[in-house]
Amino acid sequence: MNHAFVAALADAGHTAESLAGHLGVHPKTVARWANPGHIPQSRHRATVANMLGRPVDALWPDVVKRREPVWFRPWVDIEREAVALRAFQLAWVPGLLQTEAYARATFIGQPLTPAEVADLVAARLDRQAILTRERGPLFVAVVDEQVLRRPAADDRQLMAAQLSHLVACAELPTVQLHIVPRDTSTYPGLDGPFTLAELPDGTRVAHVDSQARAQIIDQASEIATLERRWERIRGEALPRGRSLRSLDLLREAATAWT
């Protein structure tokens, strides 16, 4: 438990309910901030600290240790609060399911120093803790089969280890993995990757990445468009139930790299 947050809440005469009322969030959201690894989204963090009379780093020391890019931190905060995540990836293994070696390979060719790459890889691996923590989000991932067939860093052993890791992740109770077969005709996923997050109060937001920039989307009409696309993309994927066909294909792809 985050004893510093709990003590500050009591000292300020607040409860989860009263603080939630001031912030306009669900009391369960505030209650989660007392658990390790749960940090308020950036738009609430300073307000909560001021209301409780404590500096942010005294309430949530992990904030000052963060290694992900500043522009990506709001999405990491959303991931930590989410009760469900739905992600489609066309070109890469989803970040939450990457091995360290694969994560490092994704930065090959970018103008980064070894220290910057190390920080980015560590930050990505740190995010994965949400999949194994108590009451973590349900993570449903759909990936194009080409992701499983494309070599990373021209290293077959790296790919074999990554796909073996995917098999292990797919067997977690919090993870569902679906594969869109490579012989699928044109489908909406070809327009690019995105992730949908559902928060405890039912709010839905999305993260959309592109060559130029990444953005968080919370407009209802745009979320509705992405959800319709998600359903069509998932409809093209092999089913996870009955014979676990996606998992069978994943195991076959892993064997092909050995």
C-alpha atoms as a PDB file:
ATOM      1  CA  MET A   1       0.000   0.000   0.000  1.00  0.00           C
ATOM      2  CA  ASN A   2       1.075   3.589  -0.649  1.00  0.00           C
ATOM      3  CA  HIS A   3       1.129   4.657   3.007  1.00  0.00           C
ATOM      4  CA  ALA A   4       2.207   8.220   2.154  1.00  0.00           C
ATOM      5  CA  PHE A   5      -0.963   8.778   0.107  1.00  0.00           C
ATOM      6  CA  VAL A   6      -3.212   7.149   2.707  1.00  0.00           C
ATOM      7  CA  ALA A   7      -1.689   9.245   5.533  1.00  0.00           C
ATOM      8  CA  ALA A   8      -1.945  12.466   3.513  1.00  0.00           C
ATOM      9  CA  LEU A   9      -5.586  11.722   2.713  1.00  0.00           C
ATOM     10  CA  ALA A  10      -6.384  11.281   6.426  1.00  0.00           C
ATOM     11  CA  ASP A  11      -4.345  14.340   7.511  1.00  0.00           C
ATOM     12  CA  ALA A  12      -6.206  16.530   5.018  1.00  0.00           C
ATOM     13  CA  GLY A  13      -9.560  15.252   6.280  1.00  0.00           C
ATOM     14  CA  HIS A  14     -10.440  13.693   2.954  1.00  0.00           C
ATOM     15  CA  THR A  15     -11.837  10.320   1.963  1.00  0.00           C
ATOM     16  CA  ALA A  16     -11.700   8.688  -1.432  1.00  0.00           C
ATOM     17  CA  GLU A  17     -15.284   9.836  -1.959  1.00  0.00           C
ATOM     18  CA  SER A  18     -14.698  13.469  -1.036  1.00  0.00           C
ATOM     19  CA  LEU A  19     -11.535  13.757  -3.093  1.00  0.00           C
ATOM     20  CA  ALA A  20     -13.259  12.108  -6.047  1.00  0.00           C
ATOM     21  CA  GLY A  21     -16.074  14.643  -5.765  1.00  0.00           C
ATOM     22  CA  HIS A  22     -13.636  17.549  -6.069  1.00  0.00           C
ATOM     23  CA  LEU A  23     -11.890  15.972  -9.048  1.00  0.00           C
ATOM     24  CA  GLY A  24     -14.950  14.690 -10.864  1.00  0.00           C
ATOM     25  CA  VAL A  25     -13.724  11.078 -10.956  1.00  0.00           C
ATOM     26  CA  HIS A  26     -15.083   7.806  -9.562  1.00  0.00           C
ATOM     27  CA  PRO A  27     -14.175   7.066  -5.900  1.00  0.00           C
ATOM     28  CA  LYS A  28     -12.732   3.718  -7.012  1.00  0.00           C
ATOM     29  CA  THR A  29     -10.207   5.641  -9.111  1.00  0.00           C
ATOM     30  CA  VAL A  30      -9.008   7.566  -6.057  1.00  0.00           C
ATOM     31  CA  ALA A  31      -8.902   4.375  -3.973  1.00  0.00           C
ATOM     32  CA  ARG A  32      -6.566   2.790  -6.534  1.00  0.00           C
ATOM     33  CA  TRP A  33      -4.007   5.553  -5.958  1.00  0.00           C
ATOM     34  CA  ALA A  34      -3.285   3.960  -2.593  1.00  0.00           C
ATOM     35  CA  ASN A  35      -2.004   0.842  -4.380  1.00  0.00           C
ATOM     36  CA  PRO A  36       1.593   0.462  -5.595  1.00  0.00           C
ATOM     37  CA  GLY A  37       2.051   1.286  -9.261  1.00  0.00           C
ATOM     38  CA  HIS A  38      -1.107   3.398  -9.517  1.00  0.00           C
ATOM     39  CA  ILE A  39      -0.420   7.061 -10.216  1.00  0.00           C
ATOM     40  CA  PRO A  40      -3.043   9.722 -11.041  1.00  0.00           C
ATOM     41  CA  GLN A  41      -3.150  10.941 -14.598  1.00  0.00           C
ATOM     42  CA  SER A  42      -1.065  14.056 -15.151  1.00  0.00           C
ATOM     43  CA  ARG A  43      -4.127  16.326 -15.312  1.00  0.00           C
ATOM     44  CA  HIS A  44      -5.035  15.366 -11.710  1.00  0.00           C
ATOM     45  CA  ARG A  45      -1.632  14.877 -10.129  1.00  0.00           C
ATOM     46  CA  ALA A  46      -0.755  18.461  -9.142  1.00  0.00           C
ATOM     47  CA  THR A  47      -4.314  19.186  -8.001  1.00  0.00           C
ATOM     48  CA  VAL A  48      -4.363  16.164  -5.699  1.00  0.00           C
ATOM     49  CA  ALA A  49      -0.942  17.039  -4.275  1.00  0.00           C
ATOM     50  CA  ASN A  50      -2.079  20.601  -3.533  1.00  0.00           C
ATOM     51  CA  MET A  51      -5.302  19.421  -1.901  1.00  0.00           C
ATOM     52  CA  LEU A  52      -3.373  17.006   0.306  1.00  0.00           C
ATOM     53  CA  GLY A  53      -0.589  19.448   1.120  1.00  0.00           C
ATOM     54  CA  ARG A  54       2.202  17.192  -0.114  1.00  0.00           C
ATOM     55  CA  PRO A  55       4.620  17.438  -3.062  1.00  0.00           C
ATOM     56  CA  VAL A  56       3.906  15.051  -5.907  1.00  0.00           C
ATOM     57  CA  ASP A  57       7.169  13.152  -5.440  1.00  0.00           C
ATOM     58  CA  ALA A  58       6.358  12.530  -1.753  1.00  0.00           C
ATOM     59  CA  LEU A  59       3.040  10.911  -2.660  1.00  0.00           C
ATOM     60  CA  TRP A  60       4.192   9.031  -5.757  1.00  0.00           C
ATOM     61  CA  PRO A  61       8.014   8.734  -5.859  1.00  0.00           C
ATOM     62  CA  ASP A  62       7.818   6.749  -9.108  1.00  0.00           C
ATOM     63  CA  VAL A  63       6.852   9.950 -10.927  1.00  0.00           C
ATOM     64  CA  VAL A  64      10.387  11.340 -10.696  1.00  0.00           C
ATOM     65  CA  LYS A  65      11.932   8.009 -11.737  1.00  0.00           C
ATOM     66  CA  ARG A  66      10.039   7.747 -14.994  1.00  0.00           C
ATOM     67  CA  ARG A  67      12.050   6.959 -18.099  1.00  0.00           C
ATOM     68  CA  GLU A  68       9.461   7.033 -20.865  1.00  0.00           C
ATOM     69  CA  PRO A  69       9.294  10.150 -23.109  1.00  0.00           C
ATOM     70  CA  VAL A  70       7.353  13.062 -21.620  1.00  0.00           C
ATOM     71  CA  TRP A  71       4.871  13.039 -24.509  1.00  0.00           C
ATOM     72  CA  PHE A  72       4.044   9.368 -23.822  1.00  0.00           C
ATOM     73  CA  ARG A  73       3.497   9.670 -20.061  1.00  0.00           C
ATOM     74  CA  PRO A  74      -0.217  10.589 -20.210  1.00  0.00           C
ATOM     75  CA  TRP A  75      -0.886   7.317 -22.033  1.00  0.00           C
ATOM     76  CA  VAL A  76       1.151   5.299 -19.529  1.00  0.00           C
ATOM     77  CA  ASP A  77      -0.986   6.841 -16.778  1.00  0.00           C
ATOM     78  CA  ILE A  78      -4.100   5.750 -18.654  1.00  0.00           C
ATOM     79  CA  GLU A  79      -2.738   2.201 -19.039  1.00  0.00           C
ATOM     80  CA  ARG A  80      -2.200   1.980 -15.284  1.00  0.00           C
ATOM     81  CA  GLU A  81      -5.786   3.021 -14.551  1.00  0.00           C
ATOM     82  CA  ALA A  82      -7.473   1.033 -17.315  1.00  0.00           C
ATOM     83  CA  VAL A  83      -9.701  -1.941 -16.634  1.00  0.00           C
ATOM     84  CA  ALA A  84      -9.485  -3.082 -20.267  1.00  0.00           C
ATOM     85  CA  LEU A  85      -7.115  -2.459 -23.183  1.00  0.00           C
ATOM     86  CA  ARG A  86      -7.708  -3.436 -26.806  1.00  0.00           C
ATOM     87  CA  ALA A  87      -4.735  -3.068 -29.145  1.00  0.00           C
ATOM     88  CA  PHE A  88      -4.194  -3.688 -32.845  1.00  0.00           C
ATOM     89  CA  GLN A  89      -0.672  -3.873 -34.263  1.00  0.00           C
ATOM     90  CA  LEU A  90       0.166  -4.117 -37.938  1.00  0.00           C
ATOM     91  CA  ALA A  91       3.978  -4.041 -37.874  1.00  0.00           C
ATOM     92  CA  TRP A  92       5.266  -4.748 -34.350  1.00  0.00           C
ATOM     93  CA  VAL A  93       4.600  -7.006 -31.415  1.00  0.00           C
ATOM     94  CA  PRO A  94       2.581  -4.865 -28.959  1.00  0.00           C
ATOM     95  CA  GLY A  95       4.883  -3.092 -26.502  1.00  0.00           C
ATOM     96  CA  LEU A  96       3.212  -4.733 -23.509  1.00  0.00           C
ATOM     97  CA  LEU A  97       4.193  -8.141 -24.910  1.00  0.00           C
ATOM     98  CA  GLN A  98       7.754  -7.474 -26.087  1.00  0.00           C
ATOM     99  CA  THR A  99      10.914  -9.100 -24.768  1.00  0.00           C
ATOM    100  CA  GLU A 100      13.846  -6.887 -23.845  1.00  0.00           C
ATOM    101  CA  ALA A 101      15.816  -7.904 -26.943  1.00  0.00           C
ATOM    102  CA  TYR A 102      12.878  -7.276 -29.284  1.00  0.00           C
ATOM    103  CA  ALA A 103      12.142  -3.918 -27.642  1.00  0.00           C
ATOM    104  CA  ARG A 104      15.765  -2.925 -28.171  1.00  0.00           C
ATOM    105  CA  ALA A 105      15.560  -3.977 -31.830  1.00  0.00           C
ATOM    106  CA  THR A 106      12.633  -1.610 -32.434  1.00  0.00           C
ATOM    107  CA  PHE A 107      14.986   1.353 -31.917  1.00  0.00           C
ATOM    108  CA  ILE A 108      17.598   0.257 -34.461  1.00  0.00           C
ATOM    109  CA  GLY A 109      18.295   3.039 -36.935  1.00  0.00           C
ATOM    110  CA  GLN A 110      16.871   5.801 -34.754  1.00  0.00           C
ATOM    111  CA  PRO A 111      19.077   8.780 -33.745  1.00  0.00           C
ATOM    112  CA  LEU A 112      19.366   7.722 -30.096  1.00  0.00           C
ATOM    113  CA  THR A 113      22.308   7.248 -27.750  1.00  0.00           C
ATOM    114  CA  PRO A 114      22.820   3.872 -26.044  1.00  0.00           C
ATOM    115  CA  ALA A 115      21.714   5.471 -22.758  1.00  0.00           C
ATOM    116  CA  GLU A 116      18.505   6.778 -24.340  1.00  0.00           C
ATOM    117  CA  VAL A 117      17.745   3.365 -25.814  1.00  0.00           C
ATOM    118  CA  ALA A 118      18.362   1.732 -22.425  1.00  0.00           C
ATOM    119  CA  ASP A 119      15.907   4.126 -20.751  1.00  0.00           C
ATOM    120  CA  LEU A 120      13.249   3.599 -23.420  1.00  0.00           C
ATOM    121  CA  VAL A 121      13.555  -0.185 -23.239  1.00  0.00           C
ATOM    122  CA  ALA A 122      13.425  -0.159 -19.430  1.00  0.00           C
ATOM    123  CA  ALA A 123      10.345   2.069 -19.485  1.00  0.00           C
ATOM    124  CA  ARG A 124       8.600  -0.281 -21.918  1.00  0.00           C
ATOM    125  CA  LEU A 125       9.365  -3.317 -19.762  1.00  0.00           C
ATOM    126  CA  ASP A 126       8.179  -1.474 -16.637  1.00  0.00           C
ATOM    127  CA  ARG A 127       4.791  -0.903 -18.297  1.00  0.00           C
ATOM    128  CA  GLN A 128       4.306  -4.657 -18.636  1.00  0.00           C
ATOM    129  CA  ALA A 129       3.820  -5.032 -14.878  1.00  0.00           C
ATOM    130  CA  ILE A 130       0.134  -4.168 -15.308  1.00  0.00           C
ATOM    131  CA  LEU A 131      -0.467  -7.557 -16.954  1.00  0.00           C
ATOM    132  CA  THR A 132       0.561  -9.571 -13.891  1.00  0.00           C
ATOM    133  CA  ARG A 133      -0.482  -7.329 -11.034  1.00  0.00           C
ATOM    134  CA  GLU A 134      -3.553  -8.071  -8.942  1.00  0.00           C
ATOM    135  CA  ARG A 135      -6.687  -6.741 -10.653  1.00  0.00           C
ATOM    136  CA  GLY A 136      -4.769  -5.750 -13.748  1.00  0.00           C
ATOM    137  CA  PRO A 137      -6.600  -4.845 -16.965  1.00  0.00           C
ATOM    138  CA  LEU A 138      -7.836  -7.346 -19.507  1.00  0.00           C
ATOM    139  CA  PHE A 139      -5.526  -6.937 -22.497  1.00  0.00           C
ATOM    140  CA  VAL A 140      -6.911  -8.051 -25.855  1.00  0.00           C
ATOM    141  CA  ALA A 141      -4.363  -7.812 -28.661  1.00  0.00           C
ATOM    142  CA  VAL A 142      -4.860  -8.411 -32.373  1.00  0.00           C
ATOM    143  CA  VAL A 143      -1.750  -8.568 -34.549  1.00  0.00           C
ATOM    144  CA  ASP A 144      -1.245  -9.139 -38.246  1.00  0.00           C
ATOM    145  CA  GLU A 145       0.510 -12.435 -38.955  1.00  0.00           C
ATOM    146  CA  GLN A 146       3.265 -10.555 -40.778  1.00  0.00           C
ATOM    147  CA  VAL A 147       4.425  -9.368 -37.341  1.00  0.00           C
ATOM    148  CA  LEU A 148       5.269 -12.977 -36.501  1.00  0.00           C
ATOM    149  CA  ARG A 149       7.090 -13.593 -39.791  1.00  0.00           C
ATOM    150  CA  ARG A 150       9.159 -10.402 -40.073  1.00  0.00           C
ATOM    151  CA  PRO A 151      12.680 -10.739 -38.583  1.00  0.00           C
ATOM    152  CA  ALA A 152      13.848  -8.210 -36.009  1.00  0.00           C
ATOM    153  CA  ALA A 153      17.529  -7.229 -36.212  1.00  0.00           C
ATOM    154  CA  ASP A 154      18.003 -10.170 -38.615  1.00  0.00           C
ATOM    155  CA  ASP A 155      18.217 -12.397 -35.542  1.00  0.00           C
ATOM    156  CA  ARG A 156      16.346 -15.698 -35.690  1.00  0.00           C
ATOM    157  CA  GLN A 157      17.046 -16.522 -32.050  1.00  0.00           C
ATOM    158  CA  LEU A 158      15.643 -13.149 -31.006  1.00  0.00           C
ATOM    159  CA  MET A 159      12.419 -13.878 -32.921  1.00  0.00           C
ATOM    160  CA  ALA A 160      12.174 -17.420 -31.558  1.00  0.00           C
ATOM    161  CA  ALA A 161      12.463 -16.069 -28.004  1.00  0.00           C
ATOM    162  CA  GLN A 162       9.953 -13.301 -28.718  1.00  0.00           C
ATOM    163  CA  LEU A 163       7.348 -15.677 -30.098  1.00  0.00           C
ATOM    164  CA  SER A 164       7.879 -18.122 -27.238  1.00  0.00           C
ATOM    165  CA  HIS A 165       7.276 -15.184 -24.912  1.00  0.00           C
ATOM    166  CA  LEU A 166       4.072 -14.375 -26.806  1.00  0.00           C
ATOM    167  CA  VAL A 167       2.858 -17.935 -26.285  1.00  0.00           C
ATOM    168  CA  ALA A 168       3.492 -17.586 -22.543  1.00  0.00           C
ATOM    169  CA  CYS A 169       1.740 -14.203 -22.452  1.00  0.00           C
ATOM    170  CA  ALA A 170      -1.253 -15.566 -24.372  1.00  0.00           C
ATOM    171  CA  GLU A 171      -1.752 -18.138 -21.622  1.00  0.00           C
ATOM    172  CA  LEU A 172      -2.049 -15.456 -18.911  1.00  0.00           C
ATOM    173  CA  PRO A 173      -5.610 -15.033 -17.609  1.00  0.00           C
ATOM    174  CA  THR A 174      -5.444 -11.289 -18.341  1.00  0.00           C
ATOM    175  CA  VAL A 175      -4.297 -11.604 -21.969  1.00  0.00           C
ATOM    176  CA  GLN A 176      -6.149 -12.601 -25.129  1.00  0.00           C
ATOM    177  CA  LEU A 177      -4.144 -12.726 -28.347  1.00  0.00           C
ATOM    178  CA  HIS A 178      -5.648 -12.972 -31.828  1.00  0.00           C
ATOM    179  CA  ILE A 179      -3.865 -13.242 -35.178  1.00  0.00           C
ATOM    180  CA  VAL A 180      -5.078 -11.898 -38.533  1.00  0.00           C
ATOM    181  CA  PRO A 181      -3.838 -14.471 -41.099  1.00  0.00           C
ATOM    182  CA  ARG A 182      -1.441 -13.126 -43.719  1.00  0.00           C
ATOM    183  CA  ASP A 183      -3.663 -14.334 -46.578  1.00  0.00           C
ATOM    184  CA  THR A 184      -6.461 -12.008 -45.406  1.00  0.00           C
ATOM    185  CA  SER A 185      -7.561  -9.586 -48.105  1.00  0.00           C
ATOM    186  CA  THR A 186      -7.597  -5.820 -47.510  1.00  0.00           C
ATOM    187  CA  TYR A 187      -9.100  -4.931 -44.140  1.00  0.00           C
ATOM    188  CA  PRO A 188      -9.331  -1.793 -41.922  1.00  0.00           C
ATOM    189  CA  GLY A 189      -6.223  -2.678 -39.935  1.00  0.00           C
ATOM    190  CA  LEU A 190      -4.057  -1.737 -42.912  1.00  0.00           C
ATOM    191  CA  ASP A 191      -4.693   1.915 -42.031  1.00  0.00           C
ATOM    192  CA  GLY A 192      -2.503   1.550 -38.942  1.00  0.00           C
ATOM    193  CA  PRO A 193      -2.276   0.562 -35.273  1.00  0.00           C
ATOM    194  CA  PHE A 194      -4.272   1.907 -32.348  1.00  0.00           C
ATOM    195  CA  THR A 195      -5.161   1.051 -28.761  1.00  0.00           C
ATOM    196  CA  LEU A 196      -8.485   1.549 -26.965  1.00  0.00           C
ATOM    197  CA  ALA A 197      -8.586   1.884 -23.179  1.00  0.00           C
ATOM    198  CA  GLU A 198     -11.583   1.636 -20.864  1.00  0.00           C
ATOM    199  CA  LEU A 199     -11.244   3.405 -17.503  1.00  0.00           C
ATOM    200  CA  PRO A 200     -13.004   2.424 -14.253  1.00  0.00           C
ATOM    201  CA  ASP A 201     -15.733   5.055 -14.717  1.00  0.00           C
ATOM    202  CA  GLY A 202     -16.557   3.718 -18.189  1.00  0.00           C
ATOM    203  CA  THR A 203     -14.688   6.456 -20.058  1.00  0.00           C
ATOM    204  CA  ARG A 204     -13.028   5.268 -23.261  1.00  0.00           C
ATOM    205  CA  VAL A 205      -9.925   6.845 -24.768  1.00  0.00           C
ATOM    206  CA  ALA A 206      -7.587   5.799 -27.556  1.00  0.00           C
ATOM    207  CA  HIS A 207      -3.933   6.059 -28.493  1.00  0.00           C
ATOM    208  CA  VAL A 208      -3.160   6.387 -32.198  1.00  0.00           C
ATOM    209  CA  ASP A 209       0.391   6.366 -33.515  1.00  0.00           C
ATOM    210  CA  SER A 210       1.765   7.517 -36.856  1.00  0.00           C
ATOM    211  CA  GLN A 211       5.074   8.336 -38.502  1.00  0.00           C
ATOM    212  CA  ALA A 212       4.682  12.011 -37.554  1.00  0.00           C
ATOM    213  CA  ARG A 213       3.130  11.905 -34.084  1.00  0.00           C
ATOM    214  CA  ALA A 214       1.148   9.990 -31.529  1.00  0.00           C
ATOM    215  CA  GLN A 215      -2.016  11.313 -29.969  1.00  0.00           C
ATOM    216  CA  ILE A 216      -4.580  10.494 -27.322  1.00  0.00           C
ATOM    217  CA  ILE A 217      -8.147  10.663 -28.560  1.00  0.00           C
ATOM    218  CA  ASP A 218     -11.159  11.144 -26.288  1.00  0.00           C
ATOM    219  CA  GLN A 219     -13.776  12.565 -28.675  1.00  0.00           C
ATOM    220  CA  ALA A 220     -16.835  10.320 -28.584  1.00  0.00           C
ATOM    221  CA  SER A 221     -17.319  10.309 -32.363  1.00  0.00           C
ATOM    222  CA  GLU A 222     -13.697   9.325 -33.030  1.00  0.00           C
ATOM    223  CA  ILE A 223     -13.771   6.641 -30.341  1.00  0.00           C
ATOM    224  CA  ALA A 224     -16.923   5.234 -31.937  1.00  0.00           C
ATOM    225  CA  THR A 225     -15.148   5.097 -35.308  1.00  0.00           C
ATOM    226  CA  LEU A 226     -12.175   3.249 -33.822  1.00  0.00           C
ATOM    227  CA  GLU A 227     -14.450   0.814 -31.997  1.00  0.00           C
ATOM    228  CA  ARG A 228     -16.241  -0.013 -35.247  1.00  0.00           C
ATOM    229  CA  ARG A 229     -12.851  -0.572 -36.889  1.00  0.00           C
ATOM    230  CA  TRP A 230     -11.770  -2.734 -33.953  1.00  0.00           C
ATOM    231  CA  GLU A 231     -14.787  -5.017 -34.382  1.00  0.00           C
ATOM    232  CA  ARG A 232     -14.108  -5.402 -38.102  1.00  0.00           C
ATOM    233  CA  ILE A 233     -10.406  -6.107 -37.509  1.00  0.00           C
ATOM    234  CA  ARG A 234     -11.116  -8.626 -34.781  1.00  0.00           C
ATOM    235  CA  GLY A 235     -13.647 -10.252 -37.074  1.00  0.00           C
ATOM    236  CA  GLU A 236     -10.823 -11.019 -39.509  1.00  0.00           C
ATOM    237  CA  ALA A 237      -8.659 -12.632 -36.795  1.00  0.00           C
ATOM    238  CA  LEU A 238      -8.539 -16.321 -36.007  1.00  0.00           C
ATOM    239  CA  PRO A 239     -10.689 -17.225 -33.012  1.00  0.00           C
ATOM    240  CA  ARG A 240      -9.079 -17.747 -29.632  1.00  0.00           C
ATOM    241  CA  GLY A 241     -11.725 -20.181 -28.456  1.00  0.00           C
ATOM    242  CA  ARG A 242     -12.451 -23.651 -29.859  1.00  0.00           C
ATOM    243  CA  SER A 243      -9.067 -25.230 -30.708  1.00  0.00           C
ATOM    244  CA  LEU A 244      -7.257 -21.936 -29.888  1.00  0.00           C
ATOM    245  CA  ARG A 245      -6.439 -21.430 -33.548  1.00  0.00           C
ATOM    246  CA  SER A 246      -4.553 -18.144 -33.003  1.00  0.00           C
ATOM    247  CA  LEU A 247      -2.386 -19.809 -30.372  1.00  0.00           C
ATOM    248  CA  ASP A 248      -1.760 -22.771 -32.686  1.00  0.00           C
ATOM    249  CA  LEU A 249      -0.575 -20.428 -35.430  1.00  0.00           C
ATOM    250  CA  LEU A 250       1.615 -18.575 -32.928  1.00  0.00           C
ATOM    251  CA  ARG A 251       3.273 -21.802 -31.791  1.00  0.00           C
ATOM    252  CA  GLU A 252       3.882 -22.827 -35.395  1.00  0.00           C
ATOM    253  CA  ALA A 253       5.469 -19.439 -36.162  1.00  0.00           C
ATOM    254  CA  ALA A 254       7.705 -19.734 -33.086  1.00  0.00           C
ATOM    255  CA  THR A 255       8.906 -23.161 -34.235  1.00  0.00           C
ATOM    256  CA  ALA A 256       9.696 -21.764 -37.691  1.00  0.00           C
ATOM    257  CA  TRP A 257      12.309 -19.406 -36.191  1.00  0.00           C
ATOM    258  CA  THR A 258      14.250 -22.162 -34.391  1.00  0.00           C
END
